[in-house]
């Protein structure tokens, strides 16, 4: 489970970067300066939310891994 969460976190981080890039592209494509600023700000906010989600998922991954290790130690089970 932790590995899947690690991959999801990495994917979300890449998505956040792409959103920021698209925000800059949208801003440069807009003819009006005010519209350009609003587009870039909106997409930067969306990118921030995606990046925050990636951070949360990474924390869940680390917690899952830690919990699994503690459970194996407590039960004496060794992963196969």
PDB file of N, CA and C in Angstrom:
ATOM      1  N   UNK A   1       0.820  -1.185   0.000  1.00  0.00           N
ATOM      2  CA  UNK A   1       0.000   0.000   0.000  1.00  0.00           C
ATOM      3  C   UNK A   1       0.872   1.260   0.000  1.00  0.00           C
ATOM      4  N   UNK A   2       1.945   1.236   0.775  1.00  0.00           N
ATOM      5  CA  UNK A   2       2.811   2.412   0.859  1.00  0.00           C
ATOM      6  C   UNK A   2       3.421   2.735  -0.497  1.00  0.00           C
ATOM      7  N   UNK A   3       3.798   1.715  -1.254  1.00  0.00           N
ATOM      8  CA  UNK A   3       4.396   1.955  -2.567  1.00  0.00           C
ATOM      9  C   UNK A   3       3.397   2.614  -3.504  1.00  0.00           C
ATOM     10  N   UNK A   4       2.157   2.165  -3.462  1.00  0.00           N
ATOM     11  CA  UNK A   4       1.111   2.779  -4.285  1.00  0.00           C
ATOM     12  C   UNK A   4       0.889   4.233  -3.916  1.00  0.00           C
ATOM     13  N   UNK A   5       0.924   4.526  -2.619  1.00  0.00           N
ATOM     14  CA  UNK A   5       0.764   5.907  -2.169  1.00  0.00           C
ATOM     15  C   UNK A   5       1.968   6.754  -2.575  1.00  0.00           C
ATOM     16  N   UNK A   6       3.162   6.168  -2.541  1.00  0.00           N
ATOM     17  CA  UNK A   6       4.357   6.888  -2.998  1.00  0.00           C
ATOM     18  C   UNK A   6       4.216   7.292  -4.463  1.00  0.00           C
ATOM     19  N   UNK A   7       3.741   6.347  -5.275  1.00  0.00           N
ATOM     20  CA  UNK A   7       3.557   6.636  -6.702  1.00  0.00           C
ATOM     21  C   UNK A   7       2.500   7.717  -6.906  1.00  0.00           C
ATOM     22  N   UNK A   8       1.413   7.627  -6.162  1.00  0.00           N
ATOM     23  CA  UNK A   8       0.347   8.628  -6.273  1.00  0.00           C
ATOM     24  C   UNK A   8       0.869  10.006  -5.885  1.00  0.00           C
ATOM     25  N   UNK A   9       1.639  10.074  -4.812  1.00  0.00           N
ATOM     26  CA  UNK A   9       2.211  11.348  -4.373  1.00  0.00           C
ATOM     27  C   UNK A   9       3.117  11.939  -5.451  1.00  0.00           C
ATOM     28  N   UNK A  10       3.948  11.108  -6.049  1.00  0.00           N
ATOM     29  CA  UNK A  10       4.847  11.577  -7.113  1.00  0.00           C
ATOM     30  C   UNK A  10       4.045  12.066  -8.318  1.00  0.00           C
ATOM     31  N   UNK A  11       2.986  11.336  -8.676  1.00  0.00           N
ATOM     32  CA  UNK A  11       2.127  11.746  -9.792  1.00  0.00           C
ATOM     33  C   UNK A  11       1.470  13.094  -9.506  1.00  0.00           C
ATOM     34  N   UNK A  12       0.985  13.273  -8.289  1.00  0.00           N
ATOM     35  CA  UNK A  12       0.348  14.530  -7.919  1.00  0.00           C
ATOM     36  C   UNK A  12       1.335  15.688  -7.945  1.00  0.00           C
ATOM     37  N   UNK A  13       2.554  15.440  -7.519  1.00  0.00           N
ATOM     38  CA  UNK A  13       3.579  16.492  -7.566  1.00  0.00           C
ATOM     39  C   UNK A  13       3.862  16.915  -9.003  1.00  0.00           C
ATOM     40  N   UNK A  14       3.953  15.929  -9.895  1.00  0.00           N
ATOM     41  CA  UNK A  14       4.160  16.255 -11.320  1.00  0.00           C
ATOM     42  C   UNK A  14       2.961  17.025 -11.872  1.00  0.00           C
ATOM     43  N   UNK A  15       1.752  16.611 -11.484  1.00  0.00           N
ATOM     44  CA  UNK A  15       0.553  17.303 -11.946  1.00  0.00           C
ATOM     45  C   UNK A  15       0.536  18.752 -11.478  1.00  0.00           C
ATOM     46  N   UNK A  16       0.954  19.000 -10.243  1.00  0.00           N
ATOM     47  CA  UNK A  16       0.993  20.366  -9.714  1.00  0.00           C
ATOM     48  C   UNK A  16       1.944  21.223 -10.534  1.00  0.00           C
ATOM     49  N   UNK A  17       3.073  20.653 -10.912  1.00  0.00           N
ATOM     50  CA  UNK A  17       4.041  21.381 -11.731  1.00  0.00           C
ATOM     51  C   UNK A  17       3.458  21.700 -13.107  1.00  0.00           C
ATOM     52  N   UNK A  18       2.751  20.740 -13.682  1.00  0.00           N
ATOM     53  CA  UNK A  18       2.144  20.949 -14.996  1.00  0.00           C
ATOM     54  C   UNK A  18       1.055  22.012 -14.932  1.00  0.00           C
ATOM     55  N   UNK A  19       0.292  22.041 -13.845  1.00  0.00           N
ATOM     56  CA  UNK A  19      -0.756  23.050 -13.691  1.00  0.00           C
ATOM     57  C   UNK A  19      -0.128  24.439 -13.646  1.00  0.00           C
ATOM     58  N   UNK A  20       0.978  24.582 -12.925  1.00  0.00           N
ATOM     59  CA  UNK A  20       1.658  25.878 -12.852  1.00  0.00           C
ATOM     60  C   UNK A  20       2.138  26.308 -14.237  1.00  0.00           C
ATOM     61  N   UNK A  21       2.683  25.363 -14.993  1.00  0.00           N
ATOM     62  CA  UNK A  21       3.148  25.661 -16.347  1.00  0.00           C
ATOM     63  C   UNK A  21       1.987  26.077 -17.234  1.00  0.00           C
ATOM     64  N   UNK A  22       0.863  25.372 -17.105  1.00  0.00           N
ATOM     65  CA  UNK A  22      -0.308  25.711 -17.908  1.00  0.00           C
ATOM     66  C   UNK A  22      -0.867  27.072 -17.511  1.00  0.00           C
ATOM     67  N   UNK A  23      -0.755  27.411 -16.232  1.00  0.00           N
ATOM     68  CA  UNK A  23      -1.206  28.727 -15.794  1.00  0.00           C
ATOM     69  C   UNK A  23      -0.409  29.833 -16.468  1.00  0.00           C
ATOM     70  N   UNK A  24       0.892  29.639 -16.578  1.00  0.00           N
ATOM     71  CA  UNK A  24       1.743  30.627 -17.254  1.00  0.00           C
ATOM     72  C   UNK A  24       1.416  30.681 -18.738  1.00  0.00           C
ATOM     73  N   UNK A  25       1.153  29.520 -19.336  1.00  0.00           N
ATOM     74  CA  UNK A  25       0.796  29.485 -20.755  1.00  0.00           C
ATOM     75  C   UNK A  25      -0.537  30.180 -20.998  1.00  0.00           C
ATOM     76  N   UNK A  26      -1.498  29.916 -20.119  1.00  0.00           N
ATOM     77  CA  UNK A  26      -2.817  30.552 -20.261  1.00  0.00           C
ATOM     78  C   UNK A  26      -2.696  32.058 -20.095  1.00  0.00           C
ATOM     79  N   UNK A  27      -1.870  32.480 -19.168  1.00  0.00           N
ATOM     80  CA  UNK A  27      -1.681  33.912 -18.941  1.00  0.00           C
ATOM     81  C   UNK A  27      -1.056  34.579 -20.155  1.00  0.00           C
ATOM     82  N   UNK A  28      -0.072  33.917 -20.762  1.00  0.00           N
ATOM     83  CA  UNK A  28       0.573  34.530 -21.922  1.00  0.00           C
ATOM     84  C   UNK A  28      -0.338  34.525 -23.146  1.00  0.00           C
ATOM     85  N   UNK A  29      -1.278  33.575 -23.212  1.00  0.00           N
ATOM     86  CA  UNK A  29      -2.201  33.502 -24.341  1.00  0.00           C
ATOM     87  C   UNK A  29      -3.336  34.517 -24.218  1.00  0.00           C
ATOM     88  N   UNK A  30      -3.633  34.947 -23.005  1.00  0.00           N
ATOM     89  CA  UNK A  30      -4.714  35.910 -22.794  1.00  0.00           C
ATOM     90  C   UNK A  30      -4.248  37.279 -23.291  1.00  0.00           C
ATOM     91  N   UNK A  31      -5.129  37.937 -23.991  1.00  0.00           N
ATOM     92  CA  UNK A  31      -4.770  39.246 -24.525  1.00  0.00           C
ATOM     93  C   UNK A  31      -4.817  40.341 -23.475  1.00  0.00           C
ATOM     94  N   UNK A  32      -5.699  40.221 -22.552  1.00  0.00           N
ATOM     95  CA  UNK A  32      -5.921  41.245 -21.528  1.00  0.00           C
ATOM     96  C   UNK A  32      -5.038  40.964 -20.317  1.00  0.00           C
ATOM     97  N   UNK A  33      -4.337  41.945 -19.823  1.00  0.00           N
ATOM     98  CA  UNK A  33      -3.420  41.751 -18.691  1.00  0.00           C
ATOM     99  C   UNK A  33      -4.154  41.311 -17.429  1.00  0.00           C
ATOM    100  N   UNK A  34      -5.335  41.869 -17.199  1.00  0.00           N
ATOM    101  CA  UNK A  34      -6.085  41.497 -15.994  1.00  0.00           C
ATOM    102  C   UNK A  34      -6.545  40.042 -16.084  1.00  0.00           C
ATOM    103  N   UNK A  35      -7.013  39.636 -17.243  1.00  0.00           N
ATOM    104  CA  UNK A  35      -7.423  38.244 -17.448  1.00  0.00           C
ATOM    105  C   UNK A  35      -6.223  37.323 -17.294  1.00  0.00           C
ATOM    106  N   UNK A  36      -5.078  37.741 -17.811  1.00  0.00           N
ATOM    107  CA  UNK A  36      -3.866  36.935 -17.703  1.00  0.00           C
ATOM    108  C   UNK A  36      -3.479  36.738 -16.243  1.00  0.00           C
ATOM    109  N   UNK A  37      -3.536  37.818 -15.460  1.00  0.00           N
ATOM    110  CA  UNK A  37      -3.199  37.716 -14.038  1.00  0.00           C
ATOM    111  C   UNK A  37      -4.169  36.795 -13.308  1.00  0.00           C
ATOM    112  N   UNK A  38      -5.451  36.930 -13.617  1.00  0.00           N
ATOM    113  CA  UNK A  38      -6.457  36.088 -12.959  1.00  0.00           C
ATOM    114  C   UNK A  38      -6.286  34.621 -13.327  1.00  0.00           C
ATOM    115  N   UNK A  39      -6.003  34.347 -14.583  1.00  0.00           N
ATOM    116  CA  UNK A  39      -5.809  32.953 -15.026  1.00  0.00           C
ATOM    117  C   UNK A  39      -4.601  32.338 -14.339  1.00  0.00           C
ATOM    118  N   UNK A  40      -3.514  33.091 -14.294  1.00  0.00           N
ATOM    119  CA  UNK A  40      -2.305  32.557 -13.661  1.00  0.00           C
ATOM    120  C   UNK A  40      -2.514  32.350 -12.167  1.00  0.00           C
ATOM    121  N   UNK A  41      -3.198  33.278 -11.517  1.00  0.00           N
ATOM    122  CA  UNK A  41      -3.466  33.150 -10.078  1.00  0.00           C
ATOM    123  C   UNK A  41      -4.369  31.961  -9.788  1.00  0.00           C
ATOM    124  N   UNK A  42      -5.402  31.791 -10.599  1.00  0.00           N
ATOM    125  CA  UNK A  42      -6.332  30.676 -10.392  1.00  0.00           C
ATOM    126  C   UNK A  42      -5.629  29.337 -10.560  1.00  0.00           C
ATOM    127  N   UNK A  43      -4.832  29.223 -11.599  1.00  0.00           N
ATOM    128  CA  UNK A  43      -4.145  27.949 -11.824  1.00  0.00           C
ATOM    129  C   UNK A  43      -3.036  27.724 -10.806  1.00  0.00           C
ATOM    130  N   UNK A  44      -2.434  28.787 -10.303  1.00  0.00           N
ATOM    131  CA  UNK A  44      -1.439  28.624  -9.236  1.00  0.00           C
ATOM    132  C   UNK A  44      -2.118  28.114  -7.963  1.00  0.00           C
ATOM    133  N   UNK A  45      -3.320  28.606  -7.691  1.00  0.00           N
ATOM    134  CA  UNK A  45      -4.060  28.129  -6.519  1.00  0.00           C
ATOM    135  C   UNK A  45      -4.422  26.650  -6.664  1.00  0.00           C
ATOM    136  N   UNK A  46      -4.854  26.268  -7.853  1.00  0.00           N
ATOM    137  CA  UNK A  46      -5.185  24.861  -8.103  1.00  0.00           C
ATOM    138  C   UNK A  46      -3.933  23.995  -7.949  1.00  0.00           C
ATOM    139  N   UNK A  47      -2.822  24.464  -8.485  1.00  0.00           N
ATOM    140  CA  UNK A  47      -1.561  23.735  -8.336  1.00  0.00           C
ATOM    141  C   UNK A  47      -1.175  23.580  -6.875  1.00  0.00           C
ATOM    142  N   UNK A  48      -1.423  24.619  -6.088  1.00  0.00           N
ATOM    143  CA  UNK A  48      -1.134  24.544  -4.659  1.00  0.00           C
ATOM    144  C   UNK A  48      -1.961  23.493  -3.955  1.00  0.00           C
ATOM    145  N   UNK A  49      -3.229  23.402  -4.330  1.00  0.00           N
ATOM    146  CA  UNK A  49      -4.102  22.376  -3.744  1.00  0.00           C
ATOM    147  C   UNK A  49      -3.613  20.985  -4.124  1.00  0.00           C
ATOM    148  N   UNK A  50      -3.236  20.807  -5.373  1.00  0.00           N
ATOM    149  CA  UNK A  50      -2.733  19.496  -5.822  1.00  0.00           C
ATOM    150  C   UNK A  50      -1.435  19.150  -5.091  1.00  0.00           C
ATOM    151  N   UNK A  51      -0.561  20.131  -4.922  1.00  0.00           N
ATOM    152  CA  UNK A  51       0.695  19.886  -4.209  1.00  0.00           C
ATOM    153  C   UNK A  51       0.435  19.557  -2.736  1.00  0.00           C
ATOM    154  N   UNK A  52      -0.518  20.243  -2.125  1.00  0.00           N
ATOM    155  CA  UNK A  52      -0.872  19.936  -0.735  1.00  0.00           C
ATOM    156  C   UNK A  52      -1.417  18.518  -0.623  1.00  0.00           C
ATOM    157  N   UNK A  53      -2.206  18.108  -1.603  1.00  0.00           N
ATOM    158  CA  UNK A  53      -2.732  16.739  -1.617  1.00  0.00           C
ATOM    159  C   UNK A  53      -1.588  15.738  -1.735  1.00  0.00           C
ATOM    160  N   UNK A  54      -0.607  16.046  -2.574  1.00  0.00           N
ATOM    161  CA  UNK A  54       0.563  15.157  -2.712  1.00  0.00           C
ATOM    162  C   UNK A  54       1.294  15.017  -1.387  1.00  0.00           C
ATOM    163  N   UNK A  55       1.402  16.109  -0.644  1.00  0.00           N
ATOM    164  CA  UNK A  55       2.076  16.081   0.651  1.00  0.00           C
ATOM    165  C   UNK A  55       1.301  15.216   1.644  1.00  0.00           C
ATOM    166  N   UNK A  56      -0.015  15.339   1.641  1.00  0.00           N
ATOM    167  CA  UNK A  56      -0.853  14.522   2.531  1.00  0.00           C
ATOM    168  C   UNK A  56      -0.715  13.044   2.179  1.00  0.00           C
ATOM    169  N   UNK A  57      -0.761  12.736   0.891  1.00  0.00           N
ATOM    170  CA  UNK A  57      -0.634  11.342   0.451  1.00  0.00           C
ATOM    171  C   UNK A  57       0.729  10.783   0.841  1.00  0.00           C
ATOM    172  N   UNK A  58       1.778  11.600   0.716  1.00  0.00           N
ATOM    173  CA  UNK A  58       3.114  11.145   1.120  1.00  0.00           C
ATOM    174  C   UNK A  58       3.134  10.842   2.613  1.00  0.00           C
ATOM    175  N   UNK A  59       2.486  11.684   3.414  1.00  0.00           N
ATOM    176  CA  UNK A  59       2.406  11.437   4.853  1.00  0.00           C
ATOM    177  C   UNK A  59       1.661  10.157   5.165  1.00  0.00           C
ATOM    178  N   UNK A  60       0.581   9.898   4.437  1.00  0.00           N
ATOM    179  CA  UNK A  60      -0.158   8.644   4.623  1.00  0.00           C
ATOM    180  C   UNK A  60       0.707   7.438   4.262  1.00  0.00           C
ATOM    181  N   UNK A  61       1.498   7.588   3.211  1.00  0.00           N
ATOM    182  CA  UNK A  61       2.388   6.505   2.801  1.00  0.00           C
ATOM    183  C   UNK A  61       3.409   6.201   3.890  1.00  0.00           C
ATOM    184  N   UNK A  62       4.023   7.253   4.419  1.00  0.00           N
ATOM    185  CA  UNK A  62       5.014   7.056   5.477  1.00  0.00           C
ATOM    186  C   UNK A  62       4.377   6.473   6.731  1.00  0.00           C
ATOM    187  N   UNK A  63       3.176   6.930   7.061  1.00  0.00           N
ATOM    188  CA  UNK A  63       2.468   6.383   8.219  1.00  0.00           C
ATOM    189  C   UNK A  63       2.112   4.924   8.030  1.00  0.00           C
ATOM    190  N   UNK A  64       1.692   4.572   6.823  1.00  0.00           N
ATOM    191  CA  UNK A  64       1.345   3.183   6.518  1.00  0.00           C
ATOM    192  C   UNK A  64       2.571   2.290   6.635  1.00  0.00           C
ATOM    193  N   UNK A  65       3.681   2.772   6.118  1.00  0.00           N
ATOM    194  CA  UNK A  65       4.915   1.996   6.185  1.00  0.00           C
ATOM    195  C   UNK A  65       5.369   1.815   7.628  1.00  0.00           C
ATOM    196  N   UNK A  66       5.302   2.882   8.409  1.00  0.00           N
ATOM    197  CA  UNK A  66       5.691   2.825   9.820  1.00  0.00           C
ATOM    198  C   UNK A  66       4.780   1.883  10.601  1.00  0.00           C
ATOM    199  N   UNK A  67       3.480   1.977  10.347  1.00  0.00           N
ATOM    200  CA  UNK A  67       2.529   1.102  11.041  1.00  0.00           C
ATOM    201  C   UNK A  67       2.780  -0.359  10.691  1.00  0.00           C
ATOM    202  N   UNK A  68       3.079  -0.615   9.417  1.00  0.00           N
ATOM    203  CA  UNK A  68       3.373  -1.985   9.001  1.00  0.00           C
ATOM    204  C   UNK A  68       4.613  -2.533   9.687  1.00  0.00           C
ATOM    205  N   UNK A  69       5.642  -1.716   9.789  1.00  0.00           N
ATOM    206  CA  UNK A  69       6.871  -2.127  10.460  1.00  0.00           C
ATOM    207  C   UNK A  69       6.610  -2.418  11.930  1.00  0.00           C
ATOM    208  N   UNK A  70       5.863  -1.539  12.577  1.00  0.00           N
ATOM    209  CA  UNK A  70       5.552  -1.737  13.991  1.00  0.00           C
ATOM    210  C   UNK A  70       4.721  -2.993  14.205  1.00  0.00           C
ATOM    211  N   UNK A  71       3.782  -3.254  13.314  1.00  0.00           N
ATOM    212  CA  UNK A  71       2.951  -4.457  13.431  1.00  0.00           C
ATOM    213  C   UNK A  71       3.802  -5.714  13.268  1.00  0.00           C
ATOM    214  N   UNK A  72       4.719  -5.704  12.301  1.00  0.00           N
ATOM    215  CA  UNK A  72       5.589  -6.867  12.103  1.00  0.00           C
ATOM    216  C   UNK A  72       6.469  -7.091  13.334  1.00  0.00           C
ATOM    217  N   UNK A  73       6.989  -6.019  13.915  1.00  0.00           N
ATOM    218  CA  UNK A  73       7.812  -6.151  15.108  1.00  0.00           C
ATOM    219  C   UNK A  73       7.001  -6.684  16.288  1.00  0.00           C
ATOM    220  N   UNK A  74       5.797  -6.190  16.440  1.00  0.00           N
ATOM    221  CA  UNK A  74       4.954  -6.583  17.569  1.00  0.00           C
ATOM    222  C   UNK A  74       4.507  -8.041  17.484  1.00  0.00           C
ATOM    223  N   UNK A  75       4.290  -8.517  16.261  1.00  0.00           N
ATOM    224  CA  UNK A  75       3.778  -9.884  16.076  1.00  0.00           C
ATOM    225  C   UNK A  75       4.893 -10.874  15.773  1.00  0.00           C
ATOM    226  N   UNK A  76       6.092 -10.371  15.478  1.00  0.00           N
ATOM    227  CA  UNK A  76       7.196 -11.263  15.143  1.00  0.00           C
ATOM    228  C   UNK A  76       7.086 -11.825  13.735  1.00  0.00           C
ATOM    229  N   UNK A  77       6.185 -11.267  12.929  1.00  0.00           N
ATOM    230  CA  UNK A  77       6.001 -11.742  11.563  1.00  0.00           C
ATOM    231  C   UNK A  77       7.063 -11.117  10.657  1.00  0.00           C
ATOM    232  N   UNK A  78       7.538 -11.917   9.747  1.00  0.00           N
ATOM    233  CA  UNK A  78       8.527 -11.435   8.779  1.00  0.00           C
ATOM    234  C   UNK A  78       7.865 -11.469   7.414  1.00  0.00           C
ATOM    235  N   UNK A  79       7.917 -10.349   6.646  1.00  0.00           N
ATOM    236  CA  UNK A  79       7.279 -10.354   5.331  1.00  0.00           C
ATOM    237  C   UNK A  79       7.917 -11.363   4.384  1.00  0.00           C
ATOM    238  N   UNK A  80       7.097 -11.999   3.591  1.00  0.00           N
ATOM    239  CA  UNK A  80       7.564 -13.032   2.669  1.00  0.00           C
ATOM    240  C   UNK A  80       7.951 -12.414   1.350  1.00  0.00           C
TER     241      UNK A  80
END
